[in-house]
Amino acid sequence: MKNKLTYSSITLGDYIRKIRLEKGYSQYYMADALDISQNSYCLLENGQTKASLDRIIQVALIFKLSPLGFLEGYFNQIDR
């Protein structure tokens, strides 16, 4: 039997939503800061749009986090 890496927990969109709510930011605020529509931002949080590396960096900086710190925080949330 092959070893299969499985993981569950929060998605990247869930993680972004979690931090956004902790910071007290609205979806409208985030969308404006990213220069996208609120609907496009909602799709990002709901996982219906994939986040590019550039977008992840932008989100991290809006949250006043280093991109590496943001990603480390996300990967620490994943149960393996």
PDB file of N, CA and C in Angstrom:
ATOM      1  N   MET A   1       0.837  -1.169   0.000  1.00  0.00           N
ATOM      2  CA  MET A   1       0.000   0.000   0.000  1.00  0.00           C
ATOM      3  C   MET A   1       0.890   1.243   0.000  1.00  0.00           C
ATOM      4  N   LYS A   2       0.561   2.197  -0.838  1.00  0.00           N
ATOM      5  CA  LYS A   2       1.330   3.429  -0.910  1.00  0.00           C
ATOM      6  C   LYS A   2       0.954   4.335   0.251  1.00  0.00           C
ATOM      7  N   ASN A   3       1.961   5.034   0.736  1.00  0.00           N
ATOM      8  CA  ASN A   3       1.688   6.043   1.756  1.00  0.00           C
ATOM      9  C   ASN A   3       1.029   7.231   1.078  1.00  0.00           C
ATOM     10  N   LYS A   4      -0.026   7.676   1.652  1.00  0.00           N
ATOM     11  CA  LYS A   4      -0.750   8.798   1.077  1.00  0.00           C
ATOM     12  C   LYS A   4      -0.815   9.905   2.103  1.00  0.00           C
ATOM     13  N   LEU A   5      -0.339  11.084   1.728  1.00  0.00           N
ATOM     14  CA  LEU A   5      -0.400  12.229   2.619  1.00  0.00           C
ATOM     15  C   LEU A   5      -1.814  12.779   2.577  1.00  0.00           C
ATOM     16  N   THR A   6      -2.450  12.769   3.694  1.00  0.00           N
ATOM     17  CA  THR A   6      -3.777  13.360   3.783  1.00  0.00           C
ATOM     18  C   THR A   6      -3.732  14.427   4.854  1.00  0.00           C
ATOM     19  N   TYR A   7      -4.497  15.436   4.661  1.00  0.00           N
ATOM     20  CA  TYR A   7      -4.575  16.466   5.675  1.00  0.00           C
ATOM     21  C   TYR A   7      -5.963  17.061   5.661  1.00  0.00           C
ATOM     22  N   SER A   8      -6.328  17.528   6.801  1.00  0.00           N
ATOM     23  CA  SER A   8      -7.595  18.210   6.920  1.00  0.00           C
ATOM     24  C   SER A   8      -7.384  19.361   7.877  1.00  0.00           C
ATOM     25  N   SER A   9      -8.273  20.194   7.950  1.00  0.00           N
ATOM     26  CA  SER A   9      -8.273  21.347   8.821  1.00  0.00           C
ATOM     27  C   SER A   9      -8.784  22.494   7.992  1.00  0.00           C
ATOM     28  N   ILE A  10      -8.249  23.651   8.201  1.00  0.00           N
ATOM     29  CA  ILE A  10      -8.784  24.792   7.492  1.00  0.00           C
ATOM     30  C   ILE A  10      -8.112  24.966   6.138  1.00  0.00           C
ATOM     31  N   THR A  11      -8.849  25.488   5.199  1.00  0.00           N
ATOM     32  CA  THR A  11      -8.304  25.811   3.892  1.00  0.00           C
ATOM     33  C   THR A  11      -7.602  27.161   3.978  1.00  0.00           C
ATOM     34  N   LEU A  12      -6.898  27.522   2.948  1.00  0.00           N
ATOM     35  CA  LEU A  12      -6.246  28.828   2.913  1.00  0.00           C
ATOM     36  C   LEU A  12      -7.293  29.934   3.027  1.00  0.00           C
ATOM     37  N   GLY A  13      -8.408  29.775   2.341  1.00  0.00           N
ATOM     38  CA  GLY A  13      -9.480  30.771   2.429  1.00  0.00           C
ATOM     39  C   GLY A  13     -10.018  30.897   3.845  1.00  0.00           C
ATOM     40  N   ASP A  14     -10.175  29.760   4.526  1.00  0.00           N
ATOM     41  CA  ASP A  14     -10.627  29.781   5.926  1.00  0.00           C
ATOM     42  C   ASP A  14      -9.613  30.513   6.806  1.00  0.00           C
ATOM     43  N   TYR A  15      -8.347  30.273   6.546  1.00  0.00           N
ATOM     44  CA  TYR A  15      -7.285  30.906   7.326  1.00  0.00           C
ATOM     45  C   TYR A  15      -7.291  32.422   7.104  1.00  0.00           C
ATOM     46  N   ILE A  16      -7.456  32.828   5.860  1.00  0.00           N
ATOM     47  CA  ILE A  16      -7.536  34.256   5.547  1.00  0.00           C
ATOM     48  C   ILE A  16      -8.738  34.873   6.271  1.00  0.00           C
ATOM     49  N   ARG A  17      -9.874  34.200   6.215  1.00  0.00           N
ATOM     50  CA  ARG A  17     -11.077  34.701   6.895  1.00  0.00           C
ATOM     51  C   ARG A  17     -10.838  34.829   8.395  1.00  0.00           C
ATOM     52  N   LYS A  18     -10.194  33.817   8.981  1.00  0.00           N
ATOM     53  CA  LYS A  18      -9.915  33.818  10.422  1.00  0.00           C
ATOM     54  C   LYS A  18      -9.084  35.039  10.808  1.00  0.00           C
ATOM     55  N   ILE A  19      -8.021  35.296  10.073  1.00  0.00           N
ATOM     56  CA  ILE A  19      -7.166  36.437  10.392  1.00  0.00           C
ATOM     57  C   ILE A  19      -7.909  37.749  10.132  1.00  0.00           C
ATOM     58  N   ARG A  20      -8.657  37.801   9.032  1.00  0.00           N
ATOM     59  CA  ARG A  20      -9.412  39.018   8.717  1.00  0.00           C
ATOM     60  C   ARG A  20     -10.352  39.373   9.862  1.00  0.00           C
ATOM     61  N   LEU A  21     -11.060  38.381  10.372  1.00  0.00           N
ATOM     62  CA  LEU A  21     -11.992  38.626  11.472  1.00  0.00           C
ATOM     63  C   LEU A  21     -11.255  39.021  12.750  1.00  0.00           C
ATOM     64  N   GLU A  22     -10.113  38.382  13.016  1.00  0.00           N
ATOM     65  CA  GLU A  22      -9.310  38.744  14.194  1.00  0.00           C
ATOM     66  C   GLU A  22      -8.844  40.196  14.117  1.00  0.00           C
ATOM     67  N   LYS A  23      -8.524  40.650  12.897  1.00  0.00           N
ATOM     68  CA  LYS A  23      -8.058  42.024  12.699  1.00  0.00           C
ATOM     69  C   LYS A  23      -9.227  43.016  12.673  1.00  0.00           C
ATOM     70  N   GLY A  24     -10.451  42.509  12.537  1.00  0.00           N
ATOM     71  CA  GLY A  24     -11.616  43.386  12.475  1.00  0.00           C
ATOM     72  C   GLY A  24     -11.814  44.019  11.105  1.00  0.00           C
ATOM     73  N   TYR A  25     -11.248  43.407  10.072  1.00  0.00           N
ATOM     74  CA  TYR A  25     -11.373  43.929   8.716  1.00  0.00           C
ATOM     75  C   TYR A  25     -12.615  43.347   8.050  1.00  0.00           C
ATOM     76  N   SER A  26     -13.277  44.153   7.264  1.00  0.00           N
ATOM     77  CA  SER A  26     -14.429  43.675   6.488  1.00  0.00           C
ATOM     78  C   SER A  26     -13.940  43.105   5.153  1.00  0.00           C
ATOM     79  N   GLN A  27     -14.813  42.362   4.496  1.00  0.00           N
ATOM     80  CA  GLN A  27     -14.484  41.897   3.145  1.00  0.00           C
ATOM     81  C   GLN A  27     -14.318  43.090   2.211  1.00  0.00           C
ATOM     82  N   TYR A  28     -15.099  44.138   2.425  1.00  0.00           N
ATOM     83  CA  TYR A  28     -14.982  45.335   1.582  1.00  0.00           C
ATOM     84  C   TYR A  28     -13.616  45.993   1.755  1.00  0.00           C
ATOM     85  N   TYR A  29     -13.138  46.043   3.002  1.00  0.00           N
ATOM     86  CA  TYR A  29     -11.821  46.615   3.260  1.00  0.00           C
ATOM     87  C   TYR A  29     -10.745  45.819   2.533  1.00  0.00           C
ATOM     88  N   MET A  30     -10.798  44.494   2.673  1.00  0.00           N
ATOM     89  CA  MET A  30      -9.805  43.640   2.038  1.00  0.00           C
ATOM     90  C   MET A  30      -9.852  43.768   0.519  1.00  0.00           C
ATOM     91  N   ALA A  31     -11.060  43.750  -0.029  1.00  0.00           N
ATOM     92  CA  ALA A  31     -11.209  43.861  -1.476  1.00  0.00           C
ATOM     93  C   ALA A  31     -10.632  45.179  -1.979  1.00  0.00           C
ATOM     94  N   ASP A  32     -10.913  46.263  -1.253  1.00  0.00           N
ATOM     95  CA  ASP A  32     -10.394  47.575  -1.656  1.00  0.00           C
ATOM     96  C   ASP A  32      -8.867  47.585  -1.587  1.00  0.00           C
ATOM     97  N   ALA A  33      -8.309  47.026  -0.526  1.00  0.00           N
ATOM     98  CA  ALA A  33      -6.856  46.987  -0.372  1.00  0.00           C
ATOM     99  C   ALA A  33      -6.192  46.135  -1.457  1.00  0.00           C
ATOM    100  N   LEU A  34      -6.902  45.111  -1.921  1.00  0.00           N
ATOM    101  CA  LEU A  34      -6.377  44.240  -2.983  1.00  0.00           C
ATOM    102  C   LEU A  34      -6.726  44.743  -4.376  1.00  0.00           C
ATOM    103  N   ASP A  35      -7.527  45.800  -4.436  1.00  0.00           N
ATOM    104  CA  ASP A  35      -7.984  46.383  -5.705  1.00  0.00           C
ATOM    105  C   ASP A  35      -8.777  45.368  -6.538  1.00  0.00           C
ATOM    106  N   ILE A  36      -9.672  44.658  -5.839  1.00  0.00           N
ATOM    107  CA  ILE A  36     -10.585  43.723  -6.498  1.00  0.00           C
ATOM    108  C   ILE A  36     -11.994  43.983  -5.965  1.00  0.00           C
ATOM    109  N   SER A  37     -12.986  43.388  -6.590  1.00  0.00           N
ATOM    110  CA  SER A  37     -14.357  43.557  -6.110  1.00  0.00           C
ATOM    111  C   SER A  37     -14.570  42.741  -4.841  1.00  0.00           C
ATOM    112  N   GLN A  38     -15.590  43.126  -4.073  1.00  0.00           N
ATOM    113  CA  GLN A  38     -15.925  42.379  -2.865  1.00  0.00           C
ATOM    114  C   GLN A  38     -16.318  40.958  -3.226  1.00  0.00           C
ATOM    115  N   ASN A  39     -17.010  40.793  -4.343  1.00  0.00           N
ATOM    116  CA  ASN A  39     -17.403  39.453  -4.788  1.00  0.00           C
ATOM    117  C   ASN A  39     -16.175  38.595  -5.100  1.00  0.00           C
ATOM    118  N   SER A  40     -15.184  39.174  -5.757  1.00  0.00           N
ATOM    119  CA  SER A  40     -13.956  38.430  -6.055  1.00  0.00           C
ATOM    120  C   SER A  40     -13.236  38.039  -4.772  1.00  0.00           C
ATOM    121  N   TYR A  41     -13.248  38.938  -3.797  1.00  0.00           N
ATOM    122  CA  TYR A  41     -12.624  38.617  -2.520  1.00  0.00           C
ATOM    123  C   TYR A  41     -13.372  37.485  -1.823  1.00  0.00           C
ATOM    124  N   CYS A  42     -14.700  37.541  -1.870  1.00  0.00           N
ATOM    125  CA  CYS A  42     -15.522  36.495  -1.266  1.00  0.00           C
ATOM    126  C   CYS A  42     -15.202  35.135  -1.896  1.00  0.00           C
ATOM    127  N   LEU A  43     -15.034  35.103  -3.200  1.00  0.00           N
ATOM    128  CA  LEU A  43     -14.680  33.864  -3.893  1.00  0.00           C
ATOM    129  C   LEU A  43     -13.318  33.341  -3.433  1.00  0.00           C
ATOM    130  N   LEU A  44     -12.399  34.245  -3.152  1.00  0.00           N
ATOM    131  CA  LEU A  44     -11.077  33.858  -2.649  1.00  0.00           C
ATOM    132  C   LEU A  44     -11.209  33.199  -1.280  1.00  0.00           C
ATOM    133  N   GLU A  45     -11.962  33.821  -0.381  1.00  0.00           N
ATOM    134  CA  GLU A  45     -12.143  33.251   0.959  1.00  0.00           C
ATOM    135  C   GLU A  45     -12.889  31.920   0.916  1.00  0.00           C
ATOM    136  N   ASN A  46     -13.799  31.778  -0.015  1.00  0.00           N
ATOM    137  CA  ASN A  46     -14.588  30.547  -0.106  1.00  0.00           C
ATOM    138  C   ASN A  46     -13.894  29.456  -0.908  1.00  0.00           C
ATOM    139  N   GLY A  47     -12.683  29.721  -1.383  1.00  0.00           N
ATOM    140  CA  GLY A  47     -11.910  28.714  -2.100  1.00  0.00           C
ATOM    141  C   GLY A  47     -12.366  28.480  -3.528  1.00  0.00           C
ATOM    142  N   GLN A  48     -13.183  29.379  -4.047  1.00  0.00           N
ATOM    143  CA  GLN A  48     -13.671  29.223  -5.413  1.00  0.00           C
ATOM    144  C   GLN A  48     -12.732  29.873  -6.416  1.00  0.00           C
ATOM    145  N   THR A  49     -11.760  30.625  -5.913  1.00  0.00           N
ATOM    146  CA  THR A  49     -10.706  31.216  -6.727  1.00  0.00           C
ATOM    147  C   THR A  49      -9.384  30.844  -6.080  1.00  0.00           C
ATOM    148  N   LYS A  50      -8.461  30.341  -6.862  1.00  0.00           N
ATOM    149  CA  LYS A  50      -7.152  29.975  -6.317  1.00  0.00           C
ATOM    150  C   LYS A  50      -6.334  31.234  -6.099  1.00  0.00           C
ATOM    151  N   ALA A  51      -5.579  31.229  -5.024  1.00  0.00           N
ATOM    152  CA  ALA A  51      -4.733  32.370  -4.691  1.00  0.00           C
ATOM    153  C   ALA A  51      -3.350  32.176  -5.290  1.00  0.00           C
ATOM    154  N   SER A  52      -2.917  33.149  -6.071  1.00  0.00           N
ATOM    155  CA  SER A  52      -1.552  33.116  -6.603  1.00  0.00           C
ATOM    156  C   SER A  52      -0.586  33.513  -5.488  1.00  0.00           C
ATOM    157  N   LEU A  53       0.683  33.253  -5.711  1.00  0.00           N
ATOM    158  CA  LEU A  53       1.693  33.643  -4.736  1.00  0.00           C
ATOM    159  C   LEU A  53       1.675  35.155  -4.531  1.00  0.00           C
ATOM    160  N   ASP A  54       1.518  35.905  -5.613  1.00  0.00           N
ATOM    161  CA  ASP A  54       1.448  37.364  -5.495  1.00  0.00           C
ATOM    162  C   ASP A  54       0.285  37.788  -4.614  1.00  0.00           C
ATOM    163  N   ARG A  55      -0.859  37.138  -4.778  1.00  0.00           N
ATOM    164  CA  ARG A  55      -2.043  37.483  -3.989  1.00  0.00           C
ATOM    165  C   ARG A  55      -1.820  37.128  -2.518  1.00  0.00           C
ATOM    166  N   ILE A  56      -1.186  35.989  -2.256  1.00  0.00           N
ATOM    167  CA  ILE A  56      -0.895  35.597  -0.880  1.00  0.00           C
ATOM    168  C   ILE A  56       0.023  36.619  -0.222  1.00  0.00           C
ATOM    169  N   ILE A  57       1.018  37.084  -0.952  1.00  0.00           N
ATOM    170  CA  ILE A  57       1.925  38.109  -0.420  1.00  0.00           C
ATOM    171  C   ILE A  57       1.159  39.392  -0.122  1.00  0.00           C
ATOM    172  N   GLN A  58       0.283  39.800  -1.033  1.00  0.00           N
ATOM    173  CA  GLN A  58      -0.523  41.003  -0.806  1.00  0.00           C
ATOM    174  C   GLN A  58      -1.376  40.868   0.454  1.00  0.00           C
ATOM    175  N   VAL A  59      -2.025  39.736   0.601  1.00  0.00           N
ATOM    176  CA  VAL A  59      -2.882  39.501   1.769  1.00  0.00           C
ATOM    177  C   VAL A  59      -2.044  39.559   3.044  1.00  0.00           C
ATOM    178  N   ALA A  60      -0.903  38.903   3.046  1.00  0.00           N
ATOM    179  CA  ALA A  60      -0.030  38.901   4.227  1.00  0.00           C
ATOM    180  C   ALA A  60       0.354  40.327   4.611  1.00  0.00           C
ATOM    181  N   LEU A  61       0.722  41.133   3.633  1.00  0.00           N
ATOM    182  CA  LEU A  61       1.144  42.496   3.915  1.00  0.00           C
ATOM    183  C   LEU A  61      -0.009  43.350   4.435  1.00  0.00           C
ATOM    184  N   ILE A  62      -1.215  43.138   3.929  1.00  0.00           N
ATOM    185  CA  ILE A  62      -2.382  43.850   4.450  1.00  0.00           C
ATOM    186  C   ILE A  62      -2.587  43.500   5.916  1.00  0.00           C
ATOM    187  N   PHE A  63      -2.342  42.256   6.266  1.00  0.00           N
ATOM    188  CA  PHE A  63      -2.464  41.809   7.654  1.00  0.00           C
ATOM    189  C   PHE A  63      -1.255  42.221   8.503  1.00  0.00           C
ATOM    190  N   LYS A  64      -0.306  42.924   7.884  1.00  0.00           N
ATOM    191  CA  LYS A  64       0.923  43.362   8.563  1.00  0.00           C
ATOM    192  C   LYS A  64       1.737  42.162   9.071  1.00  0.00           C
ATOM    193  N   LEU A  65       1.778  41.129   8.235  1.00  0.00           N
ATOM    194  CA  LEU A  65       2.551  39.928   8.510  1.00  0.00           C
ATOM    195  C   LEU A  65       3.568  39.741   7.399  1.00  0.00           C
ATOM    196  N   SER A  66       4.681  39.104   7.716  1.00  0.00           N
ATOM    197  CA  SER A  66       5.605  38.754   6.640  1.00  0.00           C
ATOM    198  C   SER A  66       4.954  37.618   5.852  1.00  0.00           C
ATOM    199  N   PRO A  67       5.193  37.552   4.557  1.00  0.00           N
ATOM    200  CA  PRO A  67       4.634  36.443   3.787  1.00  0.00           C
ATOM    201  C   PRO A  67       5.034  35.082   4.364  1.00  0.00           C
ATOM    202  N   LEU A  68       6.286  34.948   4.813  1.00  0.00           N
ATOM    203  CA  LEU A  68       6.737  33.683   5.394  1.00  0.00           C
ATOM    204  C   LEU A  68       5.983  33.389   6.691  1.00  0.00           C
ATOM    205  N   GLY A  69       5.829  34.397   7.526  1.00  0.00           N
ATOM    206  CA  GLY A  69       5.097  34.216   8.778  1.00  0.00           C
ATOM    207  C   GLY A  69       3.647  33.835   8.536  1.00  0.00           C
ATOM    208  N   PHE A  70       3.049  34.455   7.527  1.00  0.00           N
ATOM    209  CA  PHE A  70       1.662  34.142   7.166  1.00  0.00           C
ATOM    210  C   PHE A  70       1.540  32.680   6.743  1.00  0.00           C
ATOM    211  N   LEU A  71       2.433  32.238   5.863  1.00  0.00           N
ATOM    212  CA  LEU A  71       2.379  30.859   5.380  1.00  0.00           C
ATOM    213  C   LEU A  71       2.719  29.854   6.479  1.00  0.00           C
ATOM    214  N   GLU A  72       3.682  30.184   7.324  1.00  0.00           N
ATOM    215  CA  GLU A  72       3.995  29.290   8.443  1.00  0.00           C
ATOM    216  C   GLU A  72       2.785  29.135   9.360  1.00  0.00           C
ATOM    217  N   GLY A  73       2.092  30.236   9.619  1.00  0.00           N
ATOM    218  CA  GLY A  73       0.887  30.180  10.443  1.00  0.00           C
ATOM    219  C   GLY A  73      -0.165  29.288   9.820  1.00  0.00           C
ATOM    220  N   TYR A  74      -0.314  29.391   8.507  1.00  0.00           N
ATOM    221  CA  TYR A  74      -1.297  28.554   7.808  1.00  0.00           C
ATOM    222  C   TYR A  74      -0.903  27.082   7.907  1.00  0.00           C
ATOM    223  N   PHE A  75       0.344  26.769   7.587  1.00  0.00           N
ATOM    224  CA  PHE A  75       0.750  25.367   7.594  1.00  0.00           C
ATOM    225  C   PHE A  75       0.729  24.769   8.996  1.00  0.00           C
ATOM    226  N   ASN A  76       0.910  25.587  10.013  1.00  0.00           N
ATOM    227  CA  ASN A  76       0.800  25.094  11.387  1.00  0.00           C
ATOM    228  C   ASN A  76      -0.633  24.739  11.758  1.00  0.00           C
ATOM    229  N   GLN A  77      -1.602  25.241  10.990  1.00  0.00           N
ATOM    230  CA  GLN A  77      -3.018  24.957  11.239  1.00  0.00           C
ATOM    231  C   GLN A  77      -3.461  23.621  10.658  1.00  0.00           C
ATOM    232  N   ILE A  78      -2.673  23.080   9.743  1.00  0.00           N
ATOM    233  CA  ILE A  78      -3.060  21.857   9.038  1.00  0.00           C
ATOM    234  C   ILE A  78      -2.752  20.646   9.910  1.00  0.00           C
ATOM    235  N   ASP A  79      -3.744  19.768  10.059  1.00  0.00           N
ATOM    236  CA  ASP A  79      -3.552  18.496  10.749  1.00  0.00           C
ATOM    237  C   ASP A  79      -3.082  17.483   9.728  1.00  0.00           C
ATOM    238  N   ARG A  80      -1.983  16.836   9.981  1.00  0.00           N
ATOM    239  CA  ARG A  80      -1.478  15.836   9.033  1.00  0.00           C
ATOM    240  C   ARG A  80      -1.704  14.457   9.572  1.00  0.00           C
TER     241      ARG A  80
END
